[in-house]
Amino acid sequence: MTVSLSSPITGGAQTGLTSPTYTVVSDTPPGPNAKQYAVTTLGGTQTGVDVHAISKPFTVTFSRPLSLRTLGSVNPITGVVSVVPRNVFQVLIRKGVLPLTGQANQTMVFRLSIEQPAGADQADPEDIRAGLSLLIGALNQISSGLGDTLISGVL
């Protein structure tokens, strides 16, 4: 995989966090098809935020399918591929949170799944990159508002 985080990571704007940064180190991923990083140091003002610990994880994991799928054969009469498999790439953030003060930590999971039709990597790479660009730009733009929504429930 060519995914590689450089440390520190500048976090998106969030209510209550001032100039958040996250220092990460390589961590052991859950499988051979993944890369994982653990947050070891916080920067900026992030009062009440914890770094990675066994009992309260703070990690980011990038994974791809164990076996990448390709297009099947084209119907010789219609010229149509009847089954287009998908390669699923994922980004997973695990963050330990307290469900209630004084209670045991629980792991909150943030999951991003990208389902790419097999063959699109060759036939339409520019549209794959454009879709990803929009996704990242939109998430950066709405970072604070989405954080507010996760707290208030108001979309």
Protein backbone atom coordinates (compact mmCIF):
# COMPACT_ATOMS: atom_id res chain seq x y z
CA MET A 1 0.00 0.00 0.00
CA THR A 2 1.21 3.50 -0.71
CA VAL A 3 -0.78 5.00 2.16
CA SER A 4 1.64 6.49 4.65
CA LEU A 5 0.91 9.06 7.32
CA SER A 6 3.43 11.74 8.12
CA SER A 7 3.50 12.90 11.70
CA PRO A 8 2.16 15.09 13.14
CA ILE A 9 -1.27 15.09 11.51
CA THR A 10 -3.13 18.40 11.52
CA GLY A 11 -6.66 17.72 12.69
CA GLY A 12 -9.80 19.26 11.23
CA ALA A 13 -11.44 22.19 12.98
CA GLN A 14 -13.63 21.17 15.93
CA THR A 15 -15.57 23.09 18.54
CA GLY A 16 -13.50 23.10 21.75
CA LEU A 17 -10.24 22.00 20.11
CA THR A 18 -7.66 24.65 19.21
CA SER A 19 -5.16 23.80 16.46
CA PRO A 20 -5.38 20.03 17.08
CA THR A 21 -2.43 17.90 15.99
CA TYR A 22 -1.79 14.19 16.45
CA THR A 23 1.64 12.57 16.59
CA VAL A 24 1.38 9.00 15.33
CA VAL A 25 3.67 5.98 15.30
CA SER A 26 3.40 2.78 13.29
CA ASP A 27 1.40 0.13 15.09
CA THR A 28 0.77 -3.55 14.41
CA PRO A 29 -2.23 -3.81 12.06
CA PRO A 30 -4.96 -6.42 12.48
CA GLY A 31 -4.02 -8.17 9.22
CA PRO A 32 -1.45 -8.35 6.41
CA ASN A 33 -3.60 -6.16 4.16
CA ALA A 34 -3.52 -3.16 6.51
CA LYS A 35 -1.39 -0.37 7.94
CA GLN A 36 -2.11 1.01 11.38
CA TYR A 37 -0.93 4.01 13.38
CA ALA A 38 -1.43 4.89 17.06
CA VAL A 39 -1.75 8.42 18.43
CA THR A 40 0.99 8.96 21.01
CA THR A 41 1.04 12.73 21.49
CA LEU A 42 -1.53 15.51 21.19
CA GLY A 43 -0.77 19.07 20.11
CA GLY A 44 -2.74 22.27 20.36
CA THR A 45 -5.40 22.56 23.04
CA GLN A 46 -7.36 19.33 23.48
CA THR A 47 -8.43 19.34 27.11
CA GLY A 48 -9.80 15.96 28.18
CA VAL A 49 -8.55 14.07 25.10
CA ASP A 50 -6.45 10.96 25.72
CA VAL A 51 -3.70 9.41 23.60
CA HIS A 52 -3.64 5.72 22.71
CA ALA A 53 -3.63 3.16 25.50
CA ILE A 54 -4.56 -0.52 25.61
CA SER A 55 -7.76 0.22 27.52
CA LYS A 56 -8.59 3.36 25.52
CA PRO A 57 -7.41 2.99 21.92
CA PHE A 58 -6.76 5.87 19.53
CA THR A 59 -5.70 4.38 16.21
CA VAL A 60 -6.19 4.79 12.47
CA THR A 61 -6.11 1.73 10.22
CA PHE A 62 -6.03 1.64 6.43
CA SER A 63 -6.91 -1.64 4.70
CA ARG A 64 -7.46 -3.07 1.26
CA PRO A 65 -9.01 -6.37 0.21
CA LEU A 66 -6.92 -9.46 0.99
CA SER A 67 -7.36 -10.44 -2.63
CA LEU A 68 -8.00 -7.75 -5.23
CA ARG A 69 -10.77 -8.66 -7.64
CA THR A 70 -10.74 -8.11 -11.39
CA LEU A 71 -13.44 -8.01 -14.02
CA GLY A 72 -14.87 -11.26 -15.30
CA SER A 73 -15.38 -12.07 -18.93
CA VAL A 74 -17.47 -10.02 -21.30
CA ASN A 75 -20.55 -11.67 -22.80
CA PRO A 76 -19.54 -12.40 -26.42
CA ILE A 77 -23.03 -11.62 -27.74
CA THR A 78 -24.04 -8.52 -25.76
CA GLY A 79 -20.56 -7.17 -24.97
CA VAL A 80 -21.70 -6.58 -21.39
CA VAL A 81 -19.91 -7.65 -18.23
CA SER A 82 -22.74 -9.25 -16.25
CA VAL A 83 -21.02 -9.25 -12.85
CA VAL A 84 -18.78 -6.41 -11.71
CA PRO A 85 -17.11 -7.29 -8.40
CA ARG A 86 -16.06 -4.56 -5.99
CA ASN A 87 -12.80 -3.99 -4.16
CA VAL A 88 -13.52 -2.54 -0.73
CA PHE A 89 -10.92 -0.26 0.83
CA GLN A 90 -11.45 0.95 4.41
CA VAL A 91 -10.25 3.57 6.83
CA LEU A 92 -11.00 2.79 10.46
CA ILE A 93 -10.53 5.07 13.46
CA ARG A 94 -10.84 3.52 16.92
CA LYS A 95 -11.19 5.95 19.83
CA GLY A 96 -11.81 4.94 23.41
CA VAL A 97 -14.60 6.97 25.01
CA LEU A 98 -16.43 6.98 28.32
CA PRO A 99 -20.14 6.14 28.07
CA LEU A 100 -20.59 7.69 31.52
CA THR A 101 -18.13 9.20 33.97
CA GLY A 102 -16.77 6.47 36.23
CA GLN A 103 -17.71 3.68 33.82
CA ALA A 104 -15.41 1.45 31.76
CA ASN A 105 -14.14 2.77 28.44
CA GLN A 106 -15.92 1.73 25.27
CA THR A 107 -14.45 1.86 21.77
CA MET A 108 -16.12 4.25 19.31
CA VAL A 109 -15.58 3.25 15.66
CA PHE A 110 -15.39 5.66 12.73
CA ARG A 111 -15.48 3.66 9.49
CA LEU A 112 -15.05 4.88 5.92
CA SER A 113 -15.62 2.28 3.24
CA ILE A 114 -14.82 2.84 -0.44
CA GLU A 115 -16.38 0.28 -2.79
CA GLN A 116 -14.54 0.51 -6.09
CA PRO A 117 -15.90 -1.45 -9.07
CA ALA A 118 -13.22 -3.77 -10.43
CA GLY A 119 -11.74 -2.39 -13.64
CA ALA A 120 -12.41 1.27 -12.78
CA ASP A 121 -8.76 1.65 -11.73
CA GLN A 122 -7.79 1.15 -15.38
CA ALA A 123 -10.81 2.57 -17.21
CA ASP A 124 -11.50 5.70 -15.17
CA PRO A 125 -8.72 6.62 -12.69
CA GLU A 126 -9.36 10.36 -12.96
CA ASP A 127 -12.97 9.98 -11.79
CA ILE A 128 -11.82 7.79 -8.87
CA ARG A 129 -9.40 10.55 -7.83
CA ALA A 130 -12.08 13.24 -8.29
CA GLY A 131 -14.53 11.36 -6.07
CA LEU A 132 -11.89 10.91 -3.38
CA SER A 133 -10.88 14.55 -3.64
CA LEU A 134 -14.48 15.64 -3.10
CA LEU A 135 -14.87 13.29 -0.12
CA ILE A 136 -11.74 14.58 1.63
CA GLY A 137 -12.56 18.21 0.85
CA ALA A 138 -16.13 17.82 2.08
CA LEU A 139 -15.00 16.16 5.31
CA ASN A 140 -12.44 18.90 5.91
CA GLN A 141 -15.10 21.54 5.25
CA ILE A 142 -17.71 20.02 7.56
CA SER A 143 -15.35 18.74 10.27
CA SER A 144 -16.54 21.11 13.00
CA GLY A 145 -20.21 20.89 12.02
CA LEU A 146 -20.13 17.10 11.91
CA GLY A 147 -18.48 17.07 15.34
CA ASP A 148 -21.27 19.33 16.62
CA THR A 149 -23.85 16.96 15.08
CA LEU A 150 -22.26 13.94 16.84
CA ILE A 151 -22.70 15.82 20.14
CA SER A 152 -26.10 17.48 19.60
CA GLY A 153 -27.79 15.08 17.21
CA VAL A 154 -28.84 18.04 15.08
CA LEU A 155 -27.92 17.68 11.40
